[in-house]
Amino acid sequence: MPTITRSDSFPSPIEWFVIEMGESLGLGKRPVDQRRRRVLYLIAKWATAEGVPLDRAAILVPAMVERF
């Protein structure tokens, strides 16, 4: 389980999104993988605040990443 999840409640939709992306990308427990999860979380949180749906194809397009 990534360290970005809260231990006192269920993961938020953004946390689930990052967990699933991390698993599909093969992220492990190395510090670099934790940083990658953190960046994915920050991008996903920012994108949803901008009105973008939680969709990998919508969030990780180069134009969206550049705006972040």
C-alpha atoms as a PDB file:
ATOM      1  CA  MET A   1       0.000   0.000   0.000  1.00  0.00           C
ATOM      2  CA  PRO A   2       1.494   3.393  -0.942  1.00  0.00           C
ATOM      3  CA  THR A   3       2.349   5.819   1.795  1.00  0.00           C
ATOM      4  CA  ILE A   4       0.017   8.428   0.322  1.00  0.00           C
ATOM      5  CA  THR A   5      -3.060   6.658   1.641  1.00  0.00           C
ATOM      6  CA  ARG A   6      -4.656   7.592   4.951  1.00  0.00           C
ATOM      7  CA  SER A   7      -4.584   4.809   7.518  1.00  0.00           C
ATOM      8  CA  ASP A   8      -7.699   6.025   9.361  1.00  0.00           C
ATOM      9  CA  SER A   9     -10.115   5.795   6.403  1.00  0.00           C
ATOM     10  CA  PHE A  10     -10.633   4.391   2.954  1.00  0.00           C
ATOM     11  CA  PRO A  11      -8.512   5.849   0.156  1.00  0.00           C
ATOM     12  CA  SER A  12     -10.009   8.770  -1.727  1.00  0.00           C
ATOM     13  CA  PRO A  13     -10.815   8.398  -5.437  1.00  0.00           C
ATOM     14  CA  ILE A  14      -7.569  10.201  -6.284  1.00  0.00           C
ATOM     15  CA  GLU A  15      -5.589   7.857  -4.025  1.00  0.00           C
ATOM     16  CA  TRP A  16      -7.231   4.822  -5.666  1.00  0.00           C
ATOM     17  CA  PHE A  17      -6.368   6.274  -9.066  1.00  0.00           C
ATOM     18  CA  VAL A  18      -2.706   6.664  -8.056  1.00  0.00           C
ATOM     19  CA  ILE A  19      -2.603   3.197  -6.467  1.00  0.00           C
ATOM     20  CA  GLU A  20      -3.918   1.617  -9.661  1.00  0.00           C
ATOM     21  CA  MET A  21      -1.550   3.628 -11.858  1.00  0.00           C
ATOM     22  CA  GLY A  22       1.385   2.712  -9.630  1.00  0.00           C
ATOM     23  CA  GLU A  23       0.519  -0.968  -9.858  1.00  0.00           C
ATOM     24  CA  SER A  24       0.157  -0.852 -13.644  1.00  0.00           C
ATOM     25  CA  LEU A  25       3.502   0.962 -13.919  1.00  0.00           C
ATOM     26  CA  GLY A  26       5.186  -1.600 -11.673  1.00  0.00           C
ATOM     27  CA  LEU A  27       6.170   0.908  -8.982  1.00  0.00           C
ATOM     28  CA  GLY A  28       7.717  -0.751  -5.956  1.00  0.00           C
ATOM     29  CA  LYS A  29       8.794   0.527  -2.552  1.00  0.00           C
ATOM     30  CA  ARG A  30      12.035   2.214  -3.544  1.00  0.00           C
ATOM     31  CA  PRO A  31      12.333   5.921  -2.700  1.00  0.00           C
ATOM     32  CA  VAL A  32      12.189   6.801  -6.405  1.00  0.00           C
ATOM     33  CA  ASP A  33       8.901   4.903  -6.721  1.00  0.00           C
ATOM     34  CA  GLN A  34       7.464   6.745  -3.727  1.00  0.00           C
ATOM     35  CA  ARG A  35       8.429  10.068  -5.348  1.00  0.00           C
ATOM     36  CA  ARG A  36       6.769   8.995  -8.579  1.00  0.00           C
ATOM     37  CA  ARG A  37       3.578   8.136  -6.704  1.00  0.00           C
ATOM     38  CA  ARG A  38       3.688  11.513  -4.984  1.00  0.00           C
ATOM     39  CA  VAL A  39       4.034  13.332  -8.322  1.00  0.00           C
ATOM     40  CA  LEU A  40       1.192  11.283  -9.814  1.00  0.00           C
ATOM     41  CA  TYR A  41      -0.924  12.182  -6.778  1.00  0.00           C
ATOM     42  CA  LEU A  42      -0.142  15.891  -7.090  1.00  0.00           C
ATOM     43  CA  ILE A  43      -0.882  15.944 -10.824  1.00  0.00           C
ATOM     44  CA  ALA A  44      -4.141  14.021 -10.346  1.00  0.00           C
ATOM     45  CA  LYS A  45      -5.232  16.275  -7.482  1.00  0.00           C
ATOM     46  CA  TRP A  46      -4.441  19.420  -9.483  1.00  0.00           C
ATOM     47  CA  ALA A  47      -6.109  18.101 -12.648  1.00  0.00           C
ATOM     48  CA  THR A  48      -9.351  17.193 -10.885  1.00  0.00           C
ATOM     49  CA  ALA A  49      -9.422  20.652  -9.291  1.00  0.00           C
ATOM     50  CA  GLU A  50      -9.181  21.982 -12.868  1.00  0.00           C
ATOM     51  CA  GLY A  51     -12.232  19.889 -13.817  1.00  0.00           C
ATOM     52  CA  VAL A  52     -10.432  17.057 -15.592  1.00  0.00           C
ATOM     53  CA  PRO A  53     -11.901  13.587 -14.931  1.00  0.00           C
ATOM     54  CA  LEU A  54      -9.828  10.882 -13.253  1.00  0.00           C
ATOM     55  CA  ASP A  55      -8.735   9.311 -16.501  1.00  0.00           C
ATOM     56  CA  ARG A  56      -5.135   8.454 -17.307  1.00  0.00           C
ATOM     57  CA  ALA A  57      -5.535   9.524 -20.942  1.00  0.00           C
ATOM     58  CA  ALA A  58      -6.942  12.909 -19.890  1.00  0.00           C
ATOM     59  CA  ILE A  59      -4.493  13.674 -17.079  1.00  0.00           C
ATOM     60  CA  LEU A  60      -1.206  12.444 -18.528  1.00  0.00           C
ATOM     61  CA  VAL A  61      -1.382  14.095 -21.944  1.00  0.00           C
ATOM     62  CA  PRO A  62       1.714  16.263 -22.553  1.00  0.00           C
ATOM     63  CA  ALA A  63      -0.294  19.508 -22.609  1.00  0.00           C
ATOM     64  CA  MET A  64      -1.828  18.773 -19.185  1.00  0.00           C
ATOM     65  CA  VAL A  65       1.516  17.783 -17.646  1.00  0.00           C
ATOM     66  CA  GLU A  66       3.089  20.959 -19.046  1.00  0.00           C
ATOM     67  CA  ARG A  67       0.325  23.109 -17.522  1.00  0.00           C
ATOM     68  CA  PHE A  68       0.946  21.425 -14.159  1.00  0.00           C
END
